[in-house]
Amino acid sequence: MEPVCKPVFIDKEAGPESQNIVDAFSRQLRELFVIDNHQYIGEDKAKVFTTPEFAVYCEQKKDDFVLVHYPWNGQTAKCIKADDYFRLKTNRNQDLITAEEQVKLYNTKLAVFGMSVGSNIAFVATQAGIGQEIILADFDELDTTNLNRILAGVHQVGLNKTIIAARRIYEDNPFVNITVMPDGVDEVNLKKLLSDNAITHIVEEIDDIKMKIAVRRLAREHKIPVVMITDNGDGVVLTVERYDLGYDKIFDKNDAYWAEKIKQPMTKELAGNIIINDIVGGIEKVDKKQIASVQRVLAKELVSWSQLGSAAILGGVAATVALKRIILGQSKALSIREYINMPEI
């Protein structure tokens, strides 16, 4: 049986599911009251919440709550309803993101393929209010060696990474709709998703080189922009391909180039060569310690090349900013390869 990753909405404060209720609703009403009544901004909260106006407000909204039960941790939250939750969740984004822009971001149908760096991207994007509909795909399960870059816990070792990511997002926003694909993405199921208009934006973080190419071919066919982050030591490389604007290449190479590349057996040596030269942009752009890691992988001295949690989180930030600018029409470049590193401190 697939592990549960969706919360359950229940309609009464009774029964075994709701014995451990966290009352978020009371505090949420206080936040909403000040947001809806600007004259109280900056006033002494102890006094504000004893006013007759606040008592009337609470009476009017006393039934505007839902009970959200999280089966994986046994918690049930008494929470404001979806529209008010959206207002609270995005309130501190103003005016960095306008109310109109926030709705546009939320209406995005975001697909994230690959849950290593991808899990960080999916969560940071959710915090920015991107994606009411989210698809998460990865066939892999969490290992302890993943915990240096995936925000999870030892109690989740062995769980599929999409389940872990979905639970974390649902705890942040129970009103999103997440589709998990614990068997990963392939050409067949991706074609179906794109044909069904289930995706407007793709974040691609797959290890398999041939599938990376296939994702882009299908995205180009359906005019879907693709964003990708590649680890590079302490930094990351951001790649953006605007197939929605008519970009027609894959990693700035034509189809004939890729047809020749991928007809060969995909050895670790060839995959490493493609990552270094075609994706990152040449060995001179790769962190020297990262190169040493790759060499040790090829010599079978390391299980896999090194990745840092700080870079994974940086990648989540960079990809989220890129997505925001794409969705809001703030960037028109057909393709971007941006090297993002911390300056020397």
C-alpha atoms as a PDB file:
ATOM      1  CA  MET A   1       0.000   0.000   0.000  1.00  0.00           C
ATOM      2  CA  GLU A   2       1.289   3.459  -0.915  1.00  0.00           C
ATOM      3  CA  PRO A   3       2.038   5.593   2.178  1.00  0.00           C
ATOM      4  CA  VAL A   4      -0.511   8.334   2.848  1.00  0.00           C
ATOM      5  CA  CYS A   5       0.569  11.821   1.843  1.00  0.00           C
ATOM      6  CA  LYS A   6      -2.728  13.748   1.610  1.00  0.00           C
ATOM      7  CA  PRO A   7      -4.422  15.387   4.587  1.00  0.00           C
ATOM      8  CA  VAL A   8      -8.016  14.480   5.426  1.00  0.00           C
ATOM      9  CA  PHE A   9     -10.642  17.194   5.919  1.00  0.00           C
ATOM     10  CA  ILE A  10     -13.130  16.284   8.641  1.00  0.00           C
ATOM     11  CA  ASP A  11     -16.290  18.188   9.521  1.00  0.00           C
ATOM     12  CA  LYS A  12     -16.588  17.820  13.276  1.00  0.00           C
ATOM     13  CA  GLU A  13     -14.457  17.947  16.392  1.00  0.00           C
ATOM     14  CA  ALA A  14     -15.147  14.359  17.394  1.00  0.00           C
ATOM     15  CA  GLY A  15     -13.896  10.867  16.757  1.00  0.00           C
ATOM     16  CA  PRO A  16     -10.459   9.274  17.006  1.00  0.00           C
ATOM     17  CA  GLU A  17      -9.028  11.320  14.130  1.00  0.00           C
ATOM     18  CA  SER A  18      -9.472  14.625  15.931  1.00  0.00           C
ATOM     19  CA  GLN A  19      -8.516  13.911  19.537  1.00  0.00           C
ATOM     20  CA  ASN A  20      -5.250  15.843  19.239  1.00  0.00           C
ATOM     21  CA  ILE A  21      -6.454  19.183  17.843  1.00  0.00           C
ATOM     22  CA  VAL A  22      -4.131  22.125  17.346  1.00  0.00           C
ATOM     23  CA  ASP A  23      -6.165  25.339  17.438  1.00  0.00           C
ATOM     24  CA  ALA A  24      -4.575  27.511  14.762  1.00  0.00           C
ATOM     25  CA  PHE A  25      -7.965  29.118  14.063  1.00  0.00           C
ATOM     26  CA  SER A  26      -8.005  31.425  17.111  1.00  0.00           C
ATOM     27  CA  ARG A  27      -4.660  32.999  16.234  1.00  0.00           C
ATOM     28  CA  GLN A  28      -5.573  33.153  12.552  1.00  0.00           C
ATOM     29  CA  LEU A  29      -8.707  35.177  13.371  1.00  0.00           C
ATOM     30  CA  ARG A  30      -6.529  37.699  15.196  1.00  0.00           C
ATOM     31  CA  GLU A  31      -4.242  38.026  12.210  1.00  0.00           C
ATOM     32  CA  LEU A  32      -7.152  38.380   9.808  1.00  0.00           C
ATOM     33  CA  PHE A  33      -8.882  40.969  11.984  1.00  0.00           C
ATOM     34  CA  VAL A  34      -5.930  43.354  11.826  1.00  0.00           C
ATOM     35  CA  ILE A  35      -5.498  42.717   8.080  1.00  0.00           C
ATOM     36  CA  ASP A  36      -9.187  43.547   7.554  1.00  0.00           C
ATOM     37  CA  ASN A  37      -9.195  46.504   9.964  1.00  0.00           C
ATOM     38  CA  HIS A  38      -6.186  48.680   9.220  1.00  0.00           C
ATOM     39  CA  GLN A  39      -6.987  51.182  11.967  1.00  0.00           C
ATOM     40  CA  TYR A  40      -5.648  48.644  14.458  1.00  0.00           C
ATOM     41  CA  ILE A  41      -2.262  48.176  12.785  1.00  0.00           C
ATOM     42  CA  GLY A  42       0.490  48.946  15.284  1.00  0.00           C
ATOM     43  CA  GLU A  43      -1.901  49.188  18.227  1.00  0.00           C
ATOM     44  CA  ASP A  44      -1.496  47.286  21.493  1.00  0.00           C
ATOM     45  CA  LYS A  45      -2.725  43.822  20.584  1.00  0.00           C
ATOM     46  CA  ALA A  46      -3.831  43.035  24.125  1.00  0.00           C
ATOM     47  CA  LYS A  47      -6.282  45.930  23.858  1.00  0.00           C
ATOM     48  CA  VAL A  48      -7.246  45.344  20.223  1.00  0.00           C
ATOM     49  CA  PHE A  49      -8.446  41.830  20.929  1.00  0.00           C
ATOM     50  CA  THR A  50     -10.711  42.980  23.767  1.00  0.00           C
ATOM     51  CA  THR A  51     -12.594  45.486  21.602  1.00  0.00           C
ATOM     52  CA  PRO A  52     -16.275  44.998  20.721  1.00  0.00           C
ATOM     53  CA  GLU A  53     -15.286  45.117  17.040  1.00  0.00           C
ATOM     54  CA  PHE A  54     -13.085  42.065  17.439  1.00  0.00           C
ATOM     55  CA  ALA A  55     -15.829  40.198  19.307  1.00  0.00           C
ATOM     56  CA  VAL A  56     -18.262  40.910  16.432  1.00  0.00           C
ATOM     57  CA  TYR A  57     -15.648  39.811  13.878  1.00  0.00           C
ATOM     58  CA  CYS A  58     -15.099  36.499  15.696  1.00  0.00           C
ATOM     59  CA  GLU A  59     -18.834  35.881  15.916  1.00  0.00           C
ATOM     60  CA  GLN A  60     -19.237  36.498  12.186  1.00  0.00           C
ATOM     61  CA  LYS A  61     -16.431  34.081  11.306  1.00  0.00           C
ATOM     62  CA  LYS A  62     -16.877  31.505  14.062  1.00  0.00           C
ATOM     63  CA  ASP A  63     -17.895  28.776  11.605  1.00  0.00           C
ATOM     64  CA  ASP A  64     -15.356  29.649   8.898  1.00  0.00           C
ATOM     65  CA  PHE A  65     -12.981  26.847   9.728  1.00  0.00           C
ATOM     66  CA  VAL A  66     -12.046  23.363   8.639  1.00  0.00           C
ATOM     67  CA  LEU A  67     -10.433  20.506  10.505  1.00  0.00           C
ATOM     68  CA  VAL A  68      -7.363  19.189   8.723  1.00  0.00           C
ATOM     69  CA  HIS A  69      -6.121  15.786   9.838  1.00  0.00           C
ATOM     70  CA  TYR A  70      -2.587  14.640   8.963  1.00  0.00           C
ATOM     71  CA  PRO A  71      -2.632  10.815   9.153  1.00  0.00           C
ATOM     72  CA  TRP A  72       1.160  10.479   9.053  1.00  0.00           C
ATOM     73  CA  ASN A  73       1.712  12.381  12.310  1.00  0.00           C
ATOM     74  CA  GLY A  74      -1.669  12.079  14.034  1.00  0.00           C
ATOM     75  CA  GLN A  75      -2.168  15.847  14.248  1.00  0.00           C
ATOM     76  CA  THR A  76      -5.422  17.638  13.461  1.00  0.00           C
ATOM     77  CA  ALA A  77      -5.432  21.406  12.912  1.00  0.00           C
ATOM     78  CA  LYS A  78      -8.447  23.681  13.298  1.00  0.00           C
ATOM     79  CA  CYS A  79      -7.735  26.077  10.458  1.00  0.00           C
ATOM     80  CA  ILE A  80      -9.371  28.913   8.552  1.00  0.00           C
ATOM     81  CA  LYS A  81     -10.848  28.068   5.160  1.00  0.00           C
ATOM     82  CA  ALA A  82      -8.931  28.129   1.878  1.00  0.00           C
ATOM     83  CA  ASP A  83      -9.524  31.717   0.713  1.00  0.00           C
ATOM     84  CA  ASP A  84      -8.646  33.251   4.071  1.00  0.00           C
ATOM     85  CA  TYR A  85      -5.672  30.909   4.390  1.00  0.00           C
ATOM     86  CA  PHE A  86      -4.375  32.138   1.034  1.00  0.00           C
ATOM     87  CA  ARG A  87      -4.707  35.754   2.224  1.00  0.00           C
ATOM     88  CA  LEU A  88      -2.785  35.015   5.414  1.00  0.00           C
ATOM     89  CA  LYS A  89      -0.177  32.806   3.762  1.00  0.00           C
ATOM     90  CA  THR A  90       0.720  35.459   1.184  1.00  0.00           C
ATOM     91  CA  ASN A  91       0.169  38.600   3.245  1.00  0.00           C
ATOM     92  CA  ARG A  92       3.847  39.169   3.965  1.00  0.00           C
ATOM     93  CA  ASN A  93       4.705  38.852   0.270  1.00  0.00           C
ATOM     94  CA  GLN A  94       3.142  42.271  -0.357  1.00  0.00           C
ATOM     95  CA  ASP A  95       4.234  44.448  -2.185  1.00  0.00           C
ATOM     96  CA  LEU A  96       7.150  42.377  -3.411  1.00  0.00           C
ATOM     97  CA  ILE A  97       4.387  40.386  -5.074  1.00  0.00           C
ATOM     98  CA  THR A  98       1.118  42.212  -5.755  1.00  0.00           C
ATOM     99  CA  ALA A  99      -2.251  40.625  -5.002  1.00  0.00           C
ATOM    100  CA  GLU A 100      -2.937  40.222  -8.739  1.00  0.00           C
ATOM    101  CA  GLU A 101       0.472  38.616  -9.287  1.00  0.00           C
ATOM    102  CA  GLN A 102      -0.071  36.305  -6.330  1.00  0.00           C
ATOM    103  CA  VAL A 103      -3.232  34.891  -7.876  1.00  0.00           C
ATOM    104  CA  LYS A 104      -1.402  34.339 -11.152  1.00  0.00           C
ATOM    105  CA  LEU A 105       1.394  32.470  -9.361  1.00  0.00           C
ATOM    106  CA  TYR A 106      -1.090  30.308  -7.469  1.00  0.00           C
ATOM    107  CA  ASN A 107      -2.898  29.327 -10.671  1.00  0.00           C
ATOM    108  CA  THR A 108       0.292  27.742 -12.019  1.00  0.00           C
ATOM    109  CA  LYS A 109       0.309  23.977 -12.597  1.00  0.00           C
ATOM    110  CA  LEU A 110       3.838  23.122 -11.511  1.00  0.00           C
ATOM    111  CA  ALA A 111       5.580  19.805 -12.192  1.00  0.00           C
ATOM    112  CA  VAL A 112       8.830  18.964 -10.404  1.00  0.00           C
ATOM    113  CA  PHE A 113      10.684  15.892 -11.654  1.00  0.00           C
ATOM    114  CA  GLY A 114      13.429  14.620  -9.324  1.00  0.00           C
ATOM    115  CA  MET A 115      13.215  15.088  -5.563  1.00  0.00           C
ATOM    116  CA  SER A 116      16.788  15.790  -4.490  1.00  0.00           C
ATOM    117  CA  VAL A 117      17.272  19.460  -5.355  1.00  0.00           C
ATOM    118  CA  GLY A 118      13.722  19.262  -6.682  1.00  0.00           C
ATOM    119  CA  SER A 119      12.201  18.763  -3.225  1.00  0.00           C
ATOM    120  CA  ASN A 120      13.753  22.053  -2.086  1.00  0.00           C
ATOM    121  CA  ILE A 121      12.524  23.834  -5.216  1.00  0.00           C
ATOM    122  CA  ALA A 122       8.993  22.498  -4.750  1.00  0.00           C
ATOM    123  CA  PHE A 123       8.849  23.663  -1.129  1.00  0.00           C
ATOM    124  CA  VAL A 124      10.350  27.119  -1.677  1.00  0.00           C
ATOM    125  CA  ALA A 125       8.025  27.624  -4.662  1.00  0.00           C
ATOM    126  CA  THR A 126       5.082  26.693  -2.426  1.00  0.00           C
ATOM    127  CA  GLN A 127       6.185  29.246   0.153  1.00  0.00           C
ATOM    128  CA  ALA A 128       6.195  31.883  -2.591  1.00  0.00           C
ATOM    129  CA  GLY A 129       2.622  30.888  -3.418  1.00  0.00           C
ATOM    130  CA  ILE A 130       3.482  29.205  -6.718  1.00  0.00           C
ATOM    131  CA  GLY A 131       1.309  26.287  -7.749  1.00  0.00           C
ATOM    132  CA  GLN A 132      -2.107  25.339  -6.489  1.00  0.00           C
ATOM    133  CA  GLU A 133      -1.695  22.203  -8.616  1.00  0.00           C
ATOM    134  CA  ILE A 134       1.645  20.427  -8.111  1.00  0.00           C
ATOM    135  CA  ILE A 135       3.039  17.213  -9.588  1.00  0.00           C
ATOM    136  CA  LEU A 136       5.988  15.525  -7.863  1.00  0.00           C
ATOM    137  CA  ALA A 137       7.800  12.640  -9.577  1.00  0.00           C
ATOM    138  CA  ASP A 138      10.646  10.427  -8.385  1.00  0.00           C
ATOM    139  CA  PHE A 139      11.031   6.643  -8.172  1.00  0.00           C
ATOM    140  CA  ASP A 140      13.725   6.854  -5.486  1.00  0.00           C
ATOM    141  CA  GLU A 141      13.460   6.274  -1.745  1.00  0.00           C
ATOM    142  CA  LEU A 142      15.172   8.280   0.965  1.00  0.00           C
ATOM    143  CA  ASP A 143      18.550   7.024   2.178  1.00  0.00           C
ATOM    144  CA  THR A 144      20.501   8.395   5.103  1.00  0.00           C
ATOM    145  CA  THR A 145      23.136   9.709   2.677  1.00  0.00           C
ATOM    146  CA  ASN A 146      20.405  11.958   1.193  1.00  0.00           C
ATOM    147  CA  LEU A 147      19.919  13.775   4.494  1.00  0.00           C
ATOM    148  CA  ASN A 148      22.775  16.173   3.802  1.00  0.00           C
ATOM    149  CA  ARG A 149      20.570  17.944   1.215  1.00  0.00           C
ATOM    150  CA  ILE A 150      16.957  16.751   1.551  1.00  0.00           C
ATOM    151  CA  LEU A 151      15.017  18.295   4.412  1.00  0.00           C
ATOM    152  CA  ALA A 152      13.656  15.136   5.995  1.00  0.00           C
ATOM    153  CA  GLY A 153      14.355  12.964   9.036  1.00  0.00           C
ATOM    154  CA  VAL A 154      15.802   9.589   9.916  1.00  0.00           C
ATOM    155  CA  HIS A 155      12.278   8.328  10.669  1.00  0.00           C
ATOM    156  CA  GLN A 156      11.529   8.758   6.945  1.00  0.00           C
ATOM    157  CA  VAL A 157      14.410   6.633   5.634  1.00  0.00           C
ATOM    158  CA  GLY A 158      12.962   4.154   3.128  1.00  0.00           C
ATOM    159  CA  LEU A 159       9.991   6.360   2.183  1.00  0.00           C
ATOM    160  CA  ASN A 160       9.593   7.432  -1.422  1.00  0.00           C
ATOM    161  CA  LYS A 161      10.907  10.976  -1.846  1.00  0.00           C
ATOM    162  CA  THR A 162       7.688  12.242  -3.432  1.00  0.00           C
ATOM    163  CA  ILE A 163       5.741  11.194  -0.330  1.00  0.00           C
ATOM    164  CA  ILE A 164       8.155  13.062   1.931  1.00  0.00           C
ATOM    165  CA  ALA A 165       8.006  16.198  -0.210  1.00  0.00           C
ATOM    166  CA  ALA A 166       4.210  16.098  -0.519  1.00  0.00           C
ATOM    167  CA  ARG A 167       3.718  15.751   3.242  1.00  0.00           C
ATOM    168  CA  ARG A 168       5.972  18.716   3.903  1.00  0.00           C
ATOM    169  CA  ILE A 169       4.115  20.892   1.390  1.00  0.00           C
ATOM    170  CA  TYR A 170       0.695  19.851   2.729  1.00  0.00           C
ATOM    171  CA  GLU A 171       1.777  20.763   6.260  1.00  0.00           C
ATOM    172  CA  ASP A 172       2.673  24.194   4.904  1.00  0.00           C
ATOM    173  CA  ASN A 173      -0.519  24.558   2.826  1.00  0.00           C
ATOM    174  CA  PRO A 174      -3.249  21.926   3.187  1.00  0.00           C
ATOM    175  CA  PHE A 175      -5.271  23.458   0.349  1.00  0.00           C
ATOM    176  CA  VAL A 176      -2.920  22.735  -2.548  1.00  0.00           C
ATOM    177  CA  ASN A 177      -3.541  19.691  -4.717  1.00  0.00           C
ATOM    178  CA  ILE A 178      -0.504  17.436  -5.111  1.00  0.00           C
ATOM    179  CA  THR A 179      -0.190  14.494  -7.464  1.00  0.00           C
ATOM    180  CA  VAL A 180       2.639  12.158  -6.505  1.00  0.00           C
ATOM    181  CA  MET A 181       4.313   9.908  -9.063  1.00  0.00           C
ATOM    182  CA  PRO A 182       6.347   7.459  -6.933  1.00  0.00           C
ATOM    183  CA  ASP A 183       7.282   5.436 -10.020  1.00  0.00           C
ATOM    184  CA  GLY A 184       8.897   8.493 -11.592  1.00  0.00           C
ATOM    185  CA  VAL A 185       8.243  10.231 -14.882  1.00  0.00           C
ATOM    186  CA  ASP A 186       8.677   8.611 -18.291  1.00  0.00           C
ATOM    187  CA  GLU A 187       7.759   9.588 -21.838  1.00  0.00           C
ATOM    188  CA  VAL A 188       4.404   7.822 -21.692  1.00  0.00           C
ATOM    189  CA  ASN A 189       3.053   9.418 -18.522  1.00  0.00           C
ATOM    190  CA  LEU A 190       4.560  12.816 -19.387  1.00  0.00           C
ATOM    191  CA  LYS A 191       2.850  12.810 -22.788  1.00  0.00           C
ATOM    192  CA  LYS A 192      -0.438  12.086 -21.031  1.00  0.00           C
ATOM    193  CA  LEU A 193       0.037  14.891 -18.502  1.00  0.00           C
ATOM    194  CA  LEU A 194       0.927  17.401 -21.207  1.00  0.00           C
ATOM    195  CA  SER A 195      -1.948  16.312 -23.453  1.00  0.00           C
ATOM    196  CA  ASP A 196      -4.312  16.764 -20.495  1.00  0.00           C
ATOM    197  CA  ASN A 197      -2.978  20.311 -19.902  1.00  0.00           C
ATOM    198  CA  ALA A 198      -2.008  19.257 -16.378  1.00  0.00           C
ATOM    199  CA  ILE A 199       1.303  21.178 -16.499  1.00  0.00           C
ATOM    200  CA  THR A 200       2.127  24.818 -17.250  1.00  0.00           C
ATOM    201  CA  HIS A 201       5.730  24.868 -15.944  1.00  0.00           C
ATOM    202  CA  ILE A 202       8.352  22.141 -15.472  1.00  0.00           C
ATOM    203  CA  VAL A 203      11.253  21.913 -13.051  1.00  0.00           C
ATOM    204  CA  GLU A 204      13.509  19.103 -14.276  1.00  0.00           C
ATOM    205  CA  GLU A 205      15.967  17.523 -11.818  1.00  0.00           C
ATOM    206  CA  ILE A 206      16.256  13.997 -13.233  1.00  0.00           C
ATOM    207  CA  ASP A 207      19.574  12.109 -13.190  1.00  0.00           C
ATOM    208  CA  ASP A 208      18.859  10.132 -16.367  1.00  0.00           C
ATOM    209  CA  ILE A 209      20.360  12.041 -19.313  1.00  0.00           C
ATOM    210  CA  LYS A 210      18.108  10.470 -21.953  1.00  0.00           C
ATOM    211  CA  MET A 211      15.026  11.407 -19.964  1.00  0.00           C
ATOM    212  CA  LYS A 212      16.316  14.959 -19.582  1.00  0.00           C
ATOM    213  CA  ILE A 213      16.382  15.207 -23.370  1.00  0.00           C
ATOM    214  CA  ALA A 214      12.955  13.571 -23.707  1.00  0.00           C
ATOM    215  CA  VAL A 215      11.414  16.009 -21.199  1.00  0.00           C
ATOM    216  CA  ARG A 216      12.651  18.939 -23.260  1.00  0.00           C
ATOM    217  CA  ARG A 217      11.458  17.520 -26.559  1.00  0.00           C
ATOM    218  CA  LEU A 218       7.974  17.076 -25.137  1.00  0.00           C
ATOM    219  CA  ALA A 219       8.050  20.468 -23.408  1.00  0.00           C
ATOM    220  CA  ARG A 220       9.016  22.066 -26.728  1.00  0.00           C
ATOM    221  CA  GLU A 221       6.151  20.292 -28.482  1.00  0.00           C
ATOM    222  CA  HIS A 222       3.655  21.575 -25.897  1.00  0.00           C
ATOM    223  CA  LYS A 223       5.305  25.010 -25.405  1.00  0.00           C
ATOM    224  CA  ILE A 224       6.094  24.528 -21.700  1.00  0.00           C
ATOM    225  CA  PRO A 225       9.065  26.362 -20.112  1.00  0.00           C
ATOM    226  CA  VAL A 226      11.672  24.232 -18.324  1.00  0.00           C
ATOM    227  CA  VAL A 227      13.792  25.301 -15.342  1.00  0.00           C
ATOM    228  CA  MET A 228      16.706  23.255 -14.011  1.00  0.00           C
ATOM    229  CA  ILE A 229      19.306  23.574 -11.244  1.00  0.00           C
ATOM    230  CA  THR A 230      22.697  21.814 -11.387  1.00  0.00           C
ATOM    231  CA  ASP A 231      24.869  21.523  -8.278  1.00  0.00           C
ATOM    232  CA  ASN A 232      28.286  23.113  -8.651  1.00  0.00           C
ATOM    233  CA  GLY A 233      30.226  22.922  -5.407  1.00  0.00           C
ATOM    234  CA  ASP A 234      28.946  25.654  -3.094  1.00  0.00           C
ATOM    235  CA  GLY A 235      27.079  27.203  -6.005  1.00  0.00           C
ATOM    236  CA  VAL A 236      24.546  26.170  -8.617  1.00  0.00           C
ATOM    237  CA  VAL A 237      23.948  26.578 -12.321  1.00  0.00           C
ATOM    238  CA  LEU A 238      20.477  27.797 -13.286  1.00  0.00           C
ATOM    239  CA  THR A 239      19.252  26.704 -16.715  1.00  0.00           C
ATOM    240  CA  VAL A 240      16.075  28.139 -18.227  1.00  0.00           C
ATOM    241  CA  GLU A 241      14.667  27.065 -21.594  1.00  0.00           C
ATOM    242  CA  ARG A 242      11.640  29.037 -22.800  1.00  0.00           C
ATOM    243  CA  TYR A 243       9.870  26.620 -25.077  1.00  0.00           C
ATOM    244  CA  ASP A 244       6.751  28.702 -24.459  1.00  0.00           C
ATOM    245  CA  LEU A 245       8.466  31.583 -26.300  1.00  0.00           C
ATOM    246  CA  GLY A 246       9.737  29.534 -29.246  1.00  0.00           C
ATOM    247  CA  TYR A 247      13.144  28.355 -28.032  1.00  0.00           C
ATOM    248  CA  ASP A 248      13.880  25.302 -30.197  1.00  0.00           C
ATOM    249  CA  LYS A 249      17.131  23.801 -28.905  1.00  0.00           C
ATOM    250  CA  ILE A 250      18.081  21.530 -26.004  1.00  0.00           C
ATOM    251  CA  PHE A 251      20.886  22.874 -23.833  1.00  0.00           C
ATOM    252  CA  ASP A 252      21.703  25.173 -26.778  1.00  0.00           C
ATOM    253  CA  LYS A 253      22.323  22.192 -29.103  1.00  0.00           C
ATOM    254  CA  ASN A 254      20.196  21.050 -32.041  1.00  0.00           C
ATOM    255  CA  ASP A 255      18.387  17.717 -32.314  1.00  0.00           C
ATOM    256  CA  ALA A 256      21.005  16.173 -34.604  1.00  0.00           C
ATOM    257  CA  TYR A 257      23.652  16.712 -31.931  1.00  0.00           C
ATOM    258  CA  TRP A 258      21.553  14.937 -29.298  1.00  0.00           C
ATOM    259  CA  ALA A 259      20.536  12.123 -31.641  1.00  0.00           C
ATOM    260  CA  GLU A 260      24.218  11.333 -32.087  1.00  0.00           C
ATOM    261  CA  LYS A 261      24.947  11.615 -28.354  1.00  0.00           C
ATOM    262  CA  ILE A 262      22.180   9.459 -26.964  1.00  0.00           C
ATOM    263  CA  LYS A 263      22.434   6.634 -29.485  1.00  0.00           C
ATOM    264  CA  GLN A 264      25.596   5.648 -27.600  1.00  0.00           C
ATOM    265  CA  PRO A 265      25.434   3.520 -24.428  1.00  0.00           C
ATOM    266  CA  MET A 266      24.935   5.974 -21.537  1.00  0.00           C
ATOM    267  CA  THR A 267      27.997   5.150 -19.448  1.00  0.00           C
ATOM    268  CA  LYS A 268      28.983   7.170 -16.380  1.00  0.00           C
ATOM    269  CA  GLU A 269      31.810   8.653 -18.427  1.00  0.00           C
ATOM    270  CA  LEU A 270      29.462   9.863 -21.177  1.00  0.00           C
ATOM    271  CA  ALA A 271      26.907  11.162 -18.667  1.00  0.00           C
ATOM    272  CA  GLY A 272      29.647  13.066 -16.836  1.00  0.00           C
ATOM    273  CA  ASN A 273      30.907  14.512 -20.102  1.00  0.00           C
ATOM    274  CA  ILE A 274      27.410  15.723 -21.030  1.00  0.00           C
ATOM    275  CA  ILE A 275      26.837  17.279 -17.614  1.00  0.00           C
ATOM    276  CA  ILE A 276      30.190  19.085 -17.623  1.00  0.00           C
ATOM    277  CA  ASN A 277      30.280  20.242 -21.241  1.00  0.00           C
ATOM    278  CA  ASP A 278      26.691  20.525 -22.417  1.00  0.00           C
ATOM    279  CA  ILE A 279      24.804  21.347 -19.237  1.00  0.00           C
ATOM    280  CA  VAL A 280      27.276  23.273 -17.072  1.00  0.00           C
ATOM    281  CA  GLY A 281      29.058  24.816 -20.069  1.00  0.00           C
ATOM    282  CA  GLY A 282      32.616  23.503 -19.954  1.00  0.00           C
ATOM    283  CA  ILE A 283      35.105  22.158 -17.450  1.00  0.00           C
ATOM    284  CA  GLU A 284      36.403  25.655 -16.691  1.00  0.00           C
ATOM    285  CA  LYS A 285      32.955  26.481 -15.248  1.00  0.00           C
ATOM    286  CA  VAL A 286      32.896  23.501 -12.891  1.00  0.00           C
ATOM    287  CA  ASP A 287      33.994  23.839  -9.276  1.00  0.00           C
ATOM    288  CA  LYS A 288      37.445  22.220  -8.961  1.00  0.00           C
ATOM    289  CA  LYS A 289      36.378  20.153  -5.950  1.00  0.00           C
ATOM    290  CA  GLN A 290      33.345  18.981  -7.918  1.00  0.00           C
ATOM    291  CA  ILE A 291      35.675  17.771 -10.688  1.00  0.00           C
ATOM    292  CA  ALA A 292      37.684  15.827  -8.125  1.00  0.00           C
ATOM    293  CA  SER A 293      34.461  14.215  -6.921  1.00  0.00           C
ATOM    294  CA  VAL A 294      33.513  13.163 -10.466  1.00  0.00           C
ATOM    295  CA  GLN A 295      36.967  11.673 -11.019  1.00  0.00           C
ATOM    296  CA  ARG A 296      36.614   9.617  -7.824  1.00  0.00           C
ATOM    297  CA  VAL A 297      33.185   8.393  -8.939  1.00  0.00           C
ATOM    298  CA  LEU A 298      34.612   7.238 -12.264  1.00  0.00           C
ATOM    299  CA  ALA A 299      37.431   5.494 -10.385  1.00  0.00           C
ATOM    300  CA  LYS A 300      34.817   3.782  -8.168  1.00  0.00           C
ATOM    301  CA  GLU A 301      36.184   5.456  -5.058  1.00  0.00           C
ATOM    302  CA  LEU A 302      32.878   7.286  -4.403  1.00  0.00           C
ATOM    303  CA  VAL A 303      29.346   5.949  -4.782  1.00  0.00           C
ATOM    304  CA  SER A 304      28.095   9.171  -6.399  1.00  0.00           C
ATOM    305  CA  TRP A 305      29.339  12.687  -6.977  1.00  0.00           C
ATOM    306  CA  SER A 306      29.173  15.099  -4.105  1.00  0.00           C
ATOM    307  CA  GLN A 307      26.267  17.429  -3.432  1.00  0.00           C
ATOM    308  CA  LEU A 308      25.850  19.938  -0.608  1.00  0.00           C
ATOM    309  CA  GLY A 309      22.713  20.850   1.293  1.00  0.00           C
ATOM    310  CA  SER A 310      23.588  24.544   1.088  1.00  0.00           C
ATOM    311  CA  ALA A 311      23.717  24.290  -2.713  1.00  0.00           C
ATOM    312  CA  ALA A 312      20.415  22.389  -2.780  1.00  0.00           C
ATOM    313  CA  ILE A 313      18.702  25.148  -0.788  1.00  0.00           C
ATOM    314  CA  LEU A 314      20.368  27.842  -2.924  1.00  0.00           C
ATOM    315  CA  GLY A 315      18.998  25.980  -5.944  1.00  0.00           C
ATOM    316  CA  GLY A 316      15.511  26.089  -4.435  1.00  0.00           C
ATOM    317  CA  VAL A 317      15.774  29.857  -4.112  1.00  0.00           C
ATOM    318  CA  ALA A 318      17.223  30.420  -7.597  1.00  0.00           C
ATOM    319  CA  ALA A 319      14.661  28.214  -9.341  1.00  0.00           C
ATOM    320  CA  THR A 320      11.774  29.819  -7.452  1.00  0.00           C
ATOM    321  CA  VAL A 321      12.877  33.316  -8.457  1.00  0.00           C
ATOM    322  CA  ALA A 322      13.212  32.148 -12.068  1.00  0.00           C
ATOM    323  CA  LEU A 323       9.739  30.578 -12.000  1.00  0.00           C
ATOM    324  CA  LYS A 324       8.222  33.726 -10.522  1.00  0.00           C
ATOM    325  CA  ARG A 325       9.736  35.914 -13.236  1.00  0.00           C
ATOM    326  CA  ILE A 326       8.636  33.531 -15.993  1.00  0.00           C
ATOM    327  CA  ILE A 327       5.063  33.255 -14.720  1.00  0.00           C
ATOM    328  CA  LEU A 328       4.722  37.021 -14.277  1.00  0.00           C
ATOM    329  CA  GLY A 329       6.249  37.817 -17.669  1.00  0.00           C
ATOM    330  CA  GLN A 330       9.229  39.621 -16.143  1.00  0.00           C
ATOM    331  CA  SER A 331      11.810  37.702 -18.188  1.00  0.00           C
ATOM    332  CA  LYS A 332      11.790  37.255 -21.971  1.00  0.00           C
ATOM    333  CA  ALA A 333      15.165  35.588 -22.552  1.00  0.00           C
ATOM    334  CA  LEU A 334      14.765  32.449 -24.669  1.00  0.00           C
ATOM    335  CA  SER A 335      17.455  30.578 -22.739  1.00  0.00           C
ATOM    336  CA  ILE A 336      19.529  31.283 -19.654  1.00  0.00           C
ATOM    337  CA  ARG A 337      22.567  29.621 -18.132  1.00  0.00           C
ATOM    338  CA  GLU A 338      23.394  31.495 -14.957  1.00  0.00           C
ATOM    339  CA  TYR A 339      26.208  30.657 -12.513  1.00  0.00           C
ATOM    340  CA  ILE A 340      25.121  31.489  -8.993  1.00  0.00           C
ATOM    341  CA  ASN A 341      27.818  31.514  -6.331  1.00  0.00           C
ATOM    342  CA  MET A 342      28.388  33.175  -3.007  1.00  0.00           C
ATOM    343  CA  PRO A 343      31.081  35.861  -3.230  1.00  0.00           C
ATOM    344  CA  GLU A 344      34.216  35.322  -1.201  1.00  0.00           C
ATOM    345  CA  ILE A 345      33.565  36.347   2.390  1.00  0.00           C
END
